[in-house]
Protein backbone atom coordinates (compact mmCIF):
# COMPACT_ATOMS: atom_id res chain seq x y z
CA MET A 1 133.44 132.11 139.39
CA ARG A 2 129.71 132.20 139.84
CA ARG A 3 128.59 129.61 142.40
CA SER A 4 125.69 127.18 142.18
CA LYS A 5 123.16 128.22 144.80
CA ARG A 6 122.42 124.56 145.48
CA PHE A 7 126.08 123.85 146.22
CA GLU A 8 126.26 126.91 148.45
CA ILE A 9 123.29 125.64 150.44
CA LEU A 10 124.71 122.11 150.62
CA GLU A 11 128.00 123.40 151.96
CA GLN A 12 126.14 124.80 154.96
CA ARG A 13 124.70 121.41 155.89
CA PRO A 14 125.94 120.01 159.25
CA VAL A 15 127.51 116.95 157.61
CA ASN A 16 130.01 119.20 155.84
CA LYS A 17 131.45 120.22 159.19
CA ASP A 18 132.67 116.61 159.56
CA GLY A 19 136.17 115.61 158.49
CA PHE A 20 136.75 113.22 155.59
CA VAL A 21 140.04 111.93 154.15
CA THR A 22 141.06 109.77 151.25
CA GLU A 23 142.64 106.39 151.95
CA TRP A 24 146.36 106.28 152.84
CA PRO A 25 147.16 102.59 153.44
CA GLU A 26 150.83 103.16 154.29
CA MET A 27 149.80 105.08 157.41
CA GLY A 28 146.77 102.92 158.24
CA PHE A 29 144.09 105.25 156.87
CA VAL A 30 142.10 102.39 155.39
CA ALA A 31 139.13 100.74 157.05
CA MET A 32 138.88 97.09 156.07
CA ARG A 33 141.23 96.14 153.27
CA SER A 34 144.87 97.27 153.07
CA PRO A 35 147.36 95.97 150.52
CA ASN A 36 149.65 95.45 153.52
CA ASP A 37 147.26 93.14 155.39
CA PRO A 38 148.68 89.60 155.62
CA LYS A 39 147.16 86.64 153.84
CA PRO A 40 145.58 83.94 156.03
CA SER A 41 147.79 80.96 156.88
CA ILE A 42 148.43 78.52 159.70
CA ALA A 43 150.95 75.79 160.44
CA VAL A 44 150.88 73.55 163.49
CA GLU A 45 153.66 71.29 164.72
CA ASN A 46 153.43 69.06 167.81
CA GLY A 47 150.29 70.89 168.94
CA ARG A 48 151.92 74.30 168.66
CA VAL A 49 151.22 77.08 166.14
CA ILE A 50 154.49 77.68 164.29
CA GLU A 51 153.15 79.91 161.52
CA LEU A 52 150.45 82.57 161.71
CA ASP A 53 149.24 84.61 158.74
CA GLY A 54 152.51 84.38 156.84
CA LYS A 55 154.85 84.78 159.83
CA LYS A 56 157.10 82.06 161.18
CA ARG A 57 157.15 81.69 164.96
CA GLY A 58 160.61 83.20 165.22
CA ASP A 59 159.22 86.41 163.68
CA PHE A 60 156.14 86.66 165.89
CA ASP A 61 155.62 89.89 167.77
CA MET A 62 154.14 89.64 171.26
CA ILE A 63 150.58 89.91 169.95
CA ASP A 64 151.10 87.08 167.44
CA GLN A 65 152.59 84.95 170.20
CA PHE A 66 149.75 85.62 172.61
CA ILE A 67 147.08 84.82 170.01
CA ALA A 68 148.91 81.70 168.85
CA ASP A 69 149.40 80.37 172.39
CA TYR A 70 146.16 81.40 174.11
CA THR A 71 143.42 82.04 171.54
CA ILE A 72 143.80 79.63 168.63
CA ASP A 73 142.96 75.97 169.24
CA ALA A 74 145.83 74.24 167.48
CA LYS A 75 143.87 70.96 167.36
CA VAL A 76 141.30 72.33 164.91
CA ALA A 77 143.15 75.24 163.29
CA GLU A 78 144.39 73.55 160.12
CA ARG A 79 140.96 72.03 159.39
CA VAL A 80 139.14 75.32 159.94
CA MET A 81 141.62 77.36 157.94
CA ALA A 82 141.09 75.04 154.97
CA ILE A 83 137.44 76.12 154.74
CA ASP A 84 136.88 78.82 152.12
CA SER A 85 136.27 82.24 153.68
CA LEU A 86 133.21 82.85 151.51
CA GLU A 87 131.68 79.64 152.81
CA ILE A 88 132.18 80.81 156.41
CA ALA A 89 130.68 84.20 155.53
CA ARG A 90 127.61 82.47 154.11
CA LYS A 91 127.27 80.38 157.26
CA LEU A 92 127.09 83.62 159.27
CA VAL A 93 123.91 84.72 157.50
CA ASP A 94 122.41 81.25 157.03
CA ILE A 95 119.54 80.76 159.51
CA HIS A 96 120.07 76.99 159.26
CA VAL A 97 123.57 77.30 160.72
CA SER A 98 123.52 77.75 164.49
CA ARG A 99 125.58 80.15 166.53
CA ASP A 100 127.31 77.18 168.19
CA GLU A 101 128.51 75.92 164.80
CA ILE A 102 130.10 79.29 164.07
CA ILE A 103 131.76 79.46 167.50
CA ALA A 104 133.27 76.02 166.89
CA LEU A 105 134.88 77.35 163.71
CA THR A 106 136.30 80.52 165.21
CA ARG A 107 138.28 78.48 167.73
CA GLY A 108 140.73 77.69 164.95
CA ILE A 109 140.73 80.86 162.88
CA THR A 110 143.47 83.48 162.44
CA PRO A 111 143.11 87.29 162.40
CA ALA A 112 143.68 87.52 158.64
CA LYS A 113 141.08 84.82 158.05
CA VAL A 114 138.51 86.70 160.14
CA LEU A 115 139.24 89.82 158.10
CA GLU A 116 138.77 87.92 154.85
CA VAL A 117 135.43 86.54 156.06
CA LEU A 118 134.13 89.96 157.12
CA ASN A 119 135.13 91.54 153.82
CA HIS A 120 132.66 89.23 152.08
CA LEU A 121 129.74 90.78 154.00
CA ASN A 122 127.83 93.96 153.27
CA VAL A 123 126.28 96.02 156.05
CA VAL A 124 122.89 94.29 155.97
CA GLU A 125 124.55 90.86 156.08
CA MET A 126 126.65 91.96 159.05
CA MET A 127 123.50 93.05 160.86
CA MET A 128 121.88 89.69 160.08
CA ALA A 129 124.94 87.91 161.47
CA LEU A 130 125.08 90.12 164.57
CA GLN A 131 121.47 89.29 165.38
CA LYS A 132 122.47 85.62 165.47
CA MET A 133 125.90 85.91 167.01
CA ARG A 134 125.44 88.16 170.06
CA ALA A 135 125.91 86.11 173.21
CA ARG A 136 122.89 87.08 175.32
CA LYS A 137 119.46 86.74 173.79
CA THR A 138 118.03 89.89 175.39
CA PRO A 139 119.59 93.19 174.28
CA SER A 140 120.53 95.81 176.85
CA ASN A 141 122.06 99.25 177.26
CA GLN A 142 124.70 101.15 179.21
CA CYS A 143 124.95 104.86 179.99
CA HIS A 144 127.35 107.59 181.05
CA VAL A 145 126.54 109.59 184.20
CA THR A 146 129.03 112.42 184.71
CA ASN A 147 129.14 116.17 185.21
CA VAL A 148 131.80 118.81 184.70
CA ARG A 149 131.80 119.80 188.39
CA ASP A 150 131.97 116.21 189.68
CA ASN A 151 128.96 117.20 191.80
CA PRO A 152 128.04 114.05 193.79
CA VAL A 153 124.47 115.14 194.55
CA LEU A 154 123.59 115.73 190.90
CA MET A 155 125.40 112.54 189.93
CA ALA A 156 123.31 110.45 192.32
CA ALA A 157 120.09 112.00 191.01
CA ASP A 158 121.11 111.45 187.39
CA ALA A 159 122.12 107.85 188.17
CA ALA A 160 118.71 107.21 189.70
CA GLU A 161 116.89 108.61 186.67
CA ALA A 162 119.06 106.54 184.34
CA GLY A 163 118.18 103.40 186.27
CA LEU A 164 114.48 104.23 186.05
CA ARG A 165 114.83 104.68 182.30
CA GLY A 166 116.15 101.14 181.92
CA PHE A 167 119.95 101.25 181.74
CA ASP A 168 121.47 98.04 183.16
CA GLU A 169 125.00 99.46 183.47
CA GLU A 170 126.11 102.96 184.45
CA GLU A 171 129.59 104.40 183.99
CA THR A 172 131.15 107.56 185.33
CA THR A 173 134.50 109.30 185.24
CA VAL A 174 135.97 112.42 186.77
CA GLY A 175 137.28 115.85 185.91
CA VAL A 176 139.43 115.86 189.06
CA VAL A 177 140.82 112.42 189.86
CA ARG A 178 140.64 112.91 193.65
CA TYR A 179 136.84 113.15 193.31
CA ALA A 180 136.73 109.52 192.13
CA PRO A 181 135.51 107.93 195.41
CA PHE A 182 132.60 110.38 195.63
CA ASN A 183 131.63 109.66 192.02
CA ALA A 184 131.65 105.93 192.67
CA LEU A 185 129.59 106.45 195.82
CA ALA A 186 127.08 108.66 193.99
CA LEU A 187 126.61 106.10 191.23
CA LEU A 188 126.21 103.26 193.71
CA ILE A 189 123.56 105.02 195.79
CA GLY A 190 121.76 106.64 192.87
CA SER A 191 121.53 103.52 190.73
CA GLN A 192 120.26 101.34 193.58
CA THR A 193 117.66 103.96 194.47
CA ALA A 194 116.09 103.35 191.08
CA ARG A 195 116.11 99.55 191.30
CA GLY A 196 118.33 96.70 192.36
CA GLY A 197 120.88 95.00 190.13
CA ILE A 198 122.34 97.92 188.17
CA LEU A 199 126.08 97.50 187.61
CA THR A 200 128.31 100.57 187.97
CA GLN A 201 131.89 101.55 187.19
CA ASP A 202 134.18 104.52 187.73
CA ALA A 203 136.55 104.83 184.76
CA LEU A 204 139.93 105.94 186.12
CA GLU A 205 143.58 105.03 186.08
CA GLU A 206 143.67 101.33 186.78
CA ALA A 207 145.07 101.19 190.33
CA THR A 208 142.39 103.50 191.75
CA GLU A 209 139.65 101.84 189.73
CA LEU A 210 140.67 98.43 191.09
CA ARG A 211 140.73 99.74 194.68
CA LEU A 212 137.19 101.08 194.35
CA ALA A 213 136.05 97.74 192.95
CA MET A 214 137.70 95.86 195.83
CA LEU A 215 135.90 98.12 198.30
CA GLY A 216 132.60 97.13 196.71
CA LEU A 217 131.81 100.66 195.56
CA THR A 218 131.81 99.61 191.89
CA SER A 219 130.89 96.32 190.26
CA TYR A 220 132.49 96.23 186.81
CA ALA A 221 135.35 97.63 184.72
CA GLU A 222 135.85 98.02 180.99
CA THR A 223 138.33 100.84 180.38
CA ILE A 224 141.30 98.45 180.22
CA SER A 225 142.72 99.30 176.80
CA ILE A 226 144.49 96.92 174.46
CA TYR A 227 146.08 97.65 171.08
CA GLY A 228 146.73 95.83 167.83
CA THR A 229 150.40 96.64 167.24
CA GLU A 230 153.38 96.01 169.44
CA GLN A 231 154.65 99.59 169.24
CA VAL A 232 151.43 101.09 170.56
CA PHE A 233 151.24 98.46 173.30
CA VAL A 234 154.81 99.25 174.41
CA ASP A 235 154.09 102.99 174.29
CA GLY A 236 151.35 102.31 176.79
CA ASP A 237 153.75 100.44 179.10
CA ASP A 238 151.69 97.28 178.77
CA THR A 239 151.62 93.83 177.21
CA PRO A 240 148.85 91.29 176.64
CA TRP A 241 150.15 89.43 179.69
CA SER A 242 150.02 92.47 182.00
CA LYS A 243 146.47 93.21 180.86
CA SER A 244 145.51 89.58 181.51
CA PHE A 245 146.97 89.81 185.01
CA LEU A 246 144.94 92.97 185.66
CA ALA A 247 141.79 91.27 184.39
CA SER A 248 142.35 88.38 186.79
CA ALA A 249 142.76 90.87 189.66
CA TYR A 250 139.28 92.23 189.00
CA ALA A 251 137.68 88.84 188.45
CA SER A 252 139.24 87.34 191.57
CA ARG A 253 137.52 90.06 193.61
CA GLY A 254 134.15 89.42 192.00
CA ALA A 255 134.16 92.39 189.63
CA LYS A 256 132.88 91.97 186.10
CA MET A 257 135.58 92.75 183.54
CA ARG A 258 135.93 93.46 179.84
CA PHE A 259 138.61 95.12 177.75
CA THR A 260 138.37 98.21 175.51
CA SER A 261 139.72 98.52 171.98
CA GLY A 262 138.58 99.98 168.69
CA THR A 263 139.34 100.61 165.04
CA GLY A 264 141.54 103.63 164.54
CA SER A 265 143.43 103.65 167.83
CA GLU A 266 146.70 102.54 166.27
CA VAL A 267 146.37 105.17 163.51
CA GLN A 268 145.67 107.82 166.10
CA MET A 269 148.79 106.79 168.00
CA ALA A 270 150.92 106.62 164.82
CA GLY A 271 151.54 102.89 165.08
CA ALA A 272 149.32 101.22 162.46
CA GLU A 273 152.21 99.54 160.58
CA GLY A 274 150.35 100.12 157.31
CA LYS A 275 147.65 97.59 158.20
CA SER A 276 143.89 98.14 157.91
CA MET A 277 142.08 99.36 160.99
CA LEU A 278 139.85 96.29 161.09
CA TYR A 279 142.74 93.83 160.85
CA LEU A 280 144.43 95.45 163.86
CA GLU A 281 141.16 95.46 165.78
CA ILE A 282 140.64 91.76 165.09
CA ARG A 283 144.01 91.15 166.74
CA CYS A 284 142.71 93.02 169.81
CA ILE A 285 139.54 90.95 169.84
CA MET A 286 141.50 87.72 169.72
CA MET A 287 143.77 88.94 172.52
CA ALA A 288 140.70 89.64 174.64
CA LYS A 289 139.46 86.12 173.93
CA GLY A 290 142.82 84.60 174.87
CA SER A 291 142.96 86.54 178.13
CA GLY A 292 139.64 85.12 179.32
CA VAL A 293 137.78 88.40 179.88
CA GLN A 294 134.01 88.42 179.50
CA GLY A 295 134.05 90.65 176.49
CA LEU A 296 135.01 93.86 174.85
CA GLN A 297 133.89 97.45 174.66
CA ASN A 298 134.54 98.19 171.01
CA GLY A 299 133.06 100.20 168.20
CA SER A 300 136.03 102.53 167.73
CA ILE A 301 135.08 104.33 171.01
CA SER A 302 137.30 107.41 171.53
CA CYS A 303 138.99 107.03 168.13
CA ILE A 304 135.82 107.11 166.04
CA GLY A 305 136.82 110.25 164.18
CA VAL A 306 139.50 108.21 162.38
CA PRO A 307 137.41 105.40 160.81
CA ALA A 308 134.47 107.76 160.34
CA ALA A 309 136.65 109.86 158.03
CA VAL A 310 137.59 107.08 155.57
CA PRO A 311 135.47 105.07 153.10
CA SER A 312 133.62 102.11 154.65
CA GLY A 313 134.71 103.24 158.13
CA ILE A 314 131.28 102.99 159.76
CA ARG A 315 130.93 99.54 158.17
CA ALA A 316 134.27 98.59 159.76
CA ILE A 317 132.92 99.60 163.18
CA LEU A 318 129.95 97.28 162.72
CA ALA A 319 132.37 94.58 161.57
CA GLU A 320 134.45 94.86 164.75
CA ASN A 321 131.30 94.47 166.87
CA LEU A 322 130.38 91.37 164.88
CA ALA A 323 133.93 90.00 165.15
CA THR A 324 133.72 90.19 168.95
CA THR A 325 130.60 88.05 168.97
CA LEU A 326 132.27 85.52 166.67
CA PHE A 327 134.55 84.68 169.57
CA ASP A 328 131.66 84.14 171.99
CA MET A 329 132.27 87.34 173.94
CA GLU A 330 130.03 90.06 175.23
CA VAL A 331 130.11 93.23 173.16
CA ALA A 332 129.39 96.74 174.39
CA SER A 333 129.08 98.14 170.90
CA GLY A 334 130.28 101.72 171.10
CA ASN A 335 127.98 104.58 170.05
CA ASP A 336 129.48 106.28 173.06
CA GLN A 337 131.42 109.15 171.52
CA THR A 338 129.92 111.76 169.28
CA PHE A 339 131.50 111.76 165.83
CA SER A 340 129.35 113.82 163.49
CA HIS A 341 127.53 117.14 163.27
CA SER A 342 124.89 115.40 161.14
CA GLU A 343 121.76 114.12 162.89
CA ILE A 344 121.17 111.81 159.93
CA ARG A 345 124.65 110.33 160.08
CA ARG A 346 124.55 109.84 163.86
CA SER A 347 121.21 108.04 163.64
CA ALA A 348 122.28 105.87 160.71
CA LYS A 349 125.33 104.65 162.62
CA LEU A 350 123.26 103.89 165.73
CA LEU A 351 120.78 101.76 163.79
CA LEU A 352 123.52 99.33 162.74
CA GLN A 353 123.68 98.14 166.37
CA MET A 354 120.18 99.00 167.57
CA LEU A 355 118.25 97.07 164.92
CA PRO A 356 120.04 93.69 165.24
CA GLY A 357 120.59 94.26 168.96
CA THR A 358 123.80 93.79 170.92
CA ASP A 359 124.61 92.95 174.52
CA PHE A 360 124.93 96.69 175.17
CA ILE A 361 123.78 98.82 172.22
CA PHE A 362 125.63 101.78 173.68
CA SER A 363 128.74 101.43 175.75
CA GLY A 364 127.77 104.83 177.05
CA TYR A 365 124.55 106.59 176.10
CA SER A 366 124.93 110.00 177.74
CA ALA A 367 122.18 110.05 180.37
CA VAL A 368 123.16 113.69 180.95
CA PRO A 369 123.54 116.57 178.48
CA ASN A 370 126.71 116.21 176.43
CA SER A 371 127.89 119.50 177.91
CA ASP A 372 128.26 117.54 181.16
CA ASN A 373 129.70 114.39 179.59
CA MET A 374 133.29 113.94 180.72
CA PHE A 375 133.82 111.16 178.15
CA ALA A 376 133.86 113.80 175.38
CA GLY A 377 130.19 113.43 174.57
CA SER A 378 128.08 110.54 173.32
CA ASN A 379 126.42 109.77 169.99
CA MET A 380 123.14 110.46 171.82
CA ASP A 381 122.52 112.32 175.07
CA ALA A 382 119.72 113.21 177.47
CA GLY A 383 118.23 115.55 174.88
CA ASP A 384 117.73 112.60 172.51
CA LEU A 385 115.87 110.33 174.92
CA ASP A 386 112.45 110.93 173.38
CA ASP A 387 113.83 110.35 169.86
CA TYR A 388 115.32 107.04 171.01
CA LEU A 389 112.10 105.89 172.66
CA ILE A 390 110.12 106.75 169.54
CA LEU A 391 112.60 104.85 167.36
CA GLN A 392 111.95 101.78 169.52
CA ARG A 393 108.20 102.32 169.04
CA ASP A 394 108.42 103.05 165.29
CA MET A 395 110.33 99.86 164.52
CA MET A 396 109.13 97.58 167.33
CA VAL A 397 112.75 97.19 168.43
CA ASP A 398 113.92 96.73 172.00
CA GLY A 399 116.70 99.23 172.56
CA GLY A 400 116.81 98.62 176.30
CA LEU A 401 115.04 101.81 177.45
CA ARG A 402 111.55 102.48 178.74
CA PRO A 403 109.24 105.51 178.78
CA VAL A 404 108.93 107.19 182.19
CA GLU A 405 106.52 109.57 183.86
CA GLU A 406 107.85 112.93 184.99
CA GLU A 407 106.54 112.55 188.53
CA HIS A 408 108.32 109.19 188.90
CA VAL A 409 111.58 110.73 187.69
CA LEU A 410 111.29 113.60 190.16
CA GLU A 411 110.52 111.20 192.98
CA VAL A 412 113.50 108.92 192.35
CA ARG A 413 115.88 111.85 191.84
CA TYR A 414 114.75 113.34 195.15
CA GLN A 415 115.16 110.06 197.00
CA ALA A 416 118.68 109.55 195.62
CA ALA A 417 119.73 113.07 196.62
CA LYS A 418 118.24 112.62 200.11
CA ALA A 419 120.05 109.29 200.52
CA MET A 420 123.32 110.99 199.60
CA GLN A 421 122.56 113.75 202.10
CA ALA A 422 122.02 111.19 204.85
CA VAL A 423 125.25 109.29 204.07
CA PHE A 424 127.30 112.49 203.97
CA ASP A 425 125.85 113.60 207.29
CA GLU A 426 126.41 110.23 209.00
CA LEU A 427 130.02 109.93 207.76
CA GLY A 428 130.92 113.52 208.59
CA PHE A 429 131.42 114.57 204.97
CA PRO A 430 130.75 118.18 203.87
CA GLU A 431 127.07 119.05 204.24
CA ILE A 432 124.61 118.48 201.43
CA THR A 433 122.03 121.21 201.94
CA ASP A 434 118.29 120.98 201.32
CA GLU A 435 118.83 123.57 198.59
CA GLU A 436 121.19 121.15 196.80
CA VAL A 437 118.71 118.28 197.15
CA GLU A 438 115.97 120.46 195.67
CA ALA A 439 118.22 121.62 192.82
CA ALA A 440 119.34 118.07 191.97
CA THR A 441 115.73 116.90 191.88
CA TYR A 442 114.80 119.31 189.11
CA ALA A 443 118.17 119.92 187.40
CA ASN A 444 119.04 119.27 183.80
CA SER A 445 122.78 119.92 184.10
CA SER A 446 125.49 121.04 186.51
CA GLU A 447 124.69 124.65 185.62
CA ASP A 448 121.49 124.23 187.65
CA MET A 449 123.38 123.27 190.83
CA PRO A 450 124.71 125.46 193.67
CA GLN A 451 128.50 125.51 194.00
CA ARG A 452 130.09 123.15 196.52
CA ASN A 453 133.32 123.64 198.47
CA VAL A 454 135.62 121.62 196.22
CA VAL A 455 138.57 121.63 198.61
CA GLU A 456 136.54 120.18 201.49
CA ASP A 457 134.87 117.65 199.17
CA LEU A 458 138.25 116.41 197.96
CA LYS A 459 139.52 115.99 201.51
CA ALA A 460 136.43 113.96 202.39
CA ALA A 461 136.57 111.87 199.22
CA GLU A 462 140.11 110.82 200.06
CA ARG A 463 138.87 109.50 203.40
CA ILE A 464 136.98 106.75 201.55
CA LEU A 465 140.23 105.26 200.25
CA ARG A 466 142.32 106.10 203.30
CA GLU A 467 139.83 104.59 205.78
CA GLY A 468 138.72 101.77 203.49
CA ILE A 469 135.01 102.64 203.57
CA THR A 470 133.24 99.78 201.82
CA GLY A 471 129.96 99.14 200.11
CA LEU A 472 128.87 97.27 203.23
CA ASP A 473 129.61 100.35 205.34
CA ILE A 474 127.42 102.41 203.03
CA ALA A 475 124.60 99.87 203.21
CA LEU A 476 124.72 99.90 207.02
CA VAL A 477 124.64 103.70 207.09
CA LEU A 478 121.66 103.81 204.74
CA ALA A 479 119.78 101.22 206.80
CA LYS A 480 120.48 103.18 209.99
CA CYS A 481 119.18 106.38 208.36
CA GLY A 482 115.92 104.80 207.20
CA TYR A 483 116.83 104.01 203.59
CA ARG A 484 116.38 100.29 204.05
CA THR A 485 115.36 99.42 200.49
CA VAL A 486 118.45 101.04 198.98
CA ALA A 487 120.60 99.43 201.69
CA GLU A 488 119.21 95.98 200.93
CA ARG A 489 119.82 96.45 197.21
CA ILE A 490 123.45 97.43 197.80
CA PHE A 491 123.89 94.46 200.12
CA ALA A 492 122.38 92.19 197.45
CA MET A 493 124.96 93.48 194.97
CA LEU A 494 127.73 92.63 197.41
CA LYS A 495 126.34 89.10 197.74
CA GLN A 496 126.36 88.79 193.96
CA ARG A 497 130.10 89.41 194.03
CA VAL A 498 130.60 86.50 196.39
CA ALA A 499 128.43 84.20 194.27
CA GLY A 500 130.22 85.29 191.10
CA ASP A 501 127.37 84.40 188.72
CA TYR A 502 127.56 87.77 187.00
CA LEU A 503 131.08 86.96 185.89
CA HIS A 504 129.48 84.83 183.16
CA THR A 505 129.55 86.19 179.61
CA SER A 506 127.12 89.05 178.91
CA ALA A 507 125.78 89.13 182.45
CA ILE A 508 123.34 91.73 183.69
CA ILE A 509 121.21 91.61 186.84
CA ASP A 510 117.47 92.16 186.64
CA LYS A 511 115.25 94.04 189.10
CA ASP A 512 114.63 90.80 191.00
CA ASN A 513 118.39 90.38 191.58
CA VAL A 514 118.58 87.46 189.13
CA VAL A 515 121.60 87.21 186.85
CA VAL A 516 120.70 87.10 183.15
CA SER A 517 123.63 86.00 180.98
CA ALA A 518 124.66 83.95 177.99
CA VAL A 519 124.34 80.90 180.27
CA ASN A 520 120.63 81.14 181.13
CA ASP A 521 119.58 83.51 178.31
CA MET A 522 121.64 82.18 175.43
CA ASN A 523 120.95 83.64 172.01
CA ASP A 524 119.20 80.95 169.96
CA TYR A 525 118.32 82.94 166.86
CA ARG A 526 117.70 80.71 163.81
CA GLY A 527 115.45 82.94 161.73
CA PRO A 528 111.84 84.17 162.03
CA GLY A 529 110.08 83.09 165.21
CA THR A 530 113.32 82.36 167.08
CA GLY A 531 115.76 84.31 169.23
CA TYR A 532 114.68 87.38 171.15
CA ARG A 533 111.03 88.21 170.63
CA MET A 534 109.52 91.07 172.56
CA SER A 535 106.93 90.00 175.11
CA ALA A 536 103.46 91.53 175.03
CA GLU A 537 104.25 93.32 178.30
CA ARG A 538 107.51 94.78 176.95
CA TRP A 539 105.81 95.93 173.73
CA GLU A 540 103.04 97.57 175.72
CA GLU A 541 105.70 99.42 177.72
CA ILE A 542 107.63 100.56 174.65
CA LYS A 543 104.62 101.81 172.72
CA THR A 544 103.11 103.74 175.63
CA ILE A 545 105.01 106.99 175.19
CA ARG A 546 103.73 110.10 176.93
CA GLN A 547 103.24 111.98 173.65
CA ALA A 548 100.69 109.53 172.26
CA ILE A 549 97.06 110.64 172.44
CA SER A 550 94.03 108.36 172.37
CA PRO A 551 91.87 108.92 169.27
CA SER A 552 88.86 107.63 171.21
CA GLU A 553 89.03 110.70 173.44
CA PHE A 554 88.17 112.84 170.43
CA GLY A 555 85.41 110.59 169.08
């Protein structure tokens, strides 16, 4: 058969390297509307939910029971459930209906009712609703800082650059788990070299992650996964109650805490029970609300290949971000795992969160090249930074990042590497050479770094946990070695943990060490002229990219 030359050319386009599947509701391969999704219903007796979305209490699984007992307000549930879903959907996009009015309704709503409401909204309407419903007025961003060698010198330098570029949270993980304490240390020192107030986490198995938080080497956690079906939860050796207990362990030690979930996880783990991906994710969202955590990292996350392959899947990801905000929780809205070979498709997905703004537009923009990203790569990486900054400028949108000068980047990377060198020397860890400091200052990736003695590094990293070296110990060492500003910033972060103000919903800490959260920066969007409006100073910063030339110079 003779081929169309146009079709031959189209088949070579990057988007056709992506995977696409037709819907298969019986196995959960459907984004937002499965014939097996339950119909909304509620029944309350003596202040107790006895029926939830067509199930009697005796038939509840553990997720139904948790949501019924801890999330739904039985006092208002029957009244709220009587409101037509289309009317609630219209309230979401009505600028005359406040965010508080919506939150009052969602106290009494069931998972199936939330699904029905969201299915009335198209993508633009969801973006309109998200602009109103996010908890904190000012949008922000989070990044990944990792490398395939777990090189602590490079990690500190990359963390410093990321802080300079405007990320308010920084997350790392490891290739070799025993490196974890060094990674946490590198992120702590590097981030606070850039400016004070940056929150950091080391995503690990939960016991080690909690120990690092208790030592004051990290300040938040979010990789605490929850699932929307009982089978998948049991396969993970967890329950909603065990996850709630873990969340309280973090919070009681002053560490910020949110859960992780996402459309497609149950399909990926063969436990979708024939339900739509969004319905199962709404159950996760309501569990997170019932547990009392600050919020949720969702947006499909590591399962994004599943919803991205089915019709309306990217819309479902936006819907899950919106659903999180409906329950008055912070949302770190994904964009943190690469899902497409298509530049167009990647950018289109990003704009769904970037344009309306979320608490954290990325739950992990890769501040390093994706070749060094140990979270399997991000939707955007260090090579896309200029594109992102220009998008902000093109659309007059605050995406949380700022243009930087090369000399400032080099300076802060050098200072972070030198601070690490001083701490390693003072604590008797393996030497960080001047050659490594120089390499980290100018490096793009781990390929630009000299090799370290991994065996000796691992022995030293284990000392941090064995000897209980704390954030205070690190601050004292830095002060002794002449890095007083970094030391004071680390000490200020430790004081924040005692105060506990950054345990409020959607909390970040600004450069002046002031907590900015949904309490003192509450989203008050009610249409044009309200909500977050970029200040003249912020707009001046965003539009002043290094590539822009002055026409007057050529007059």
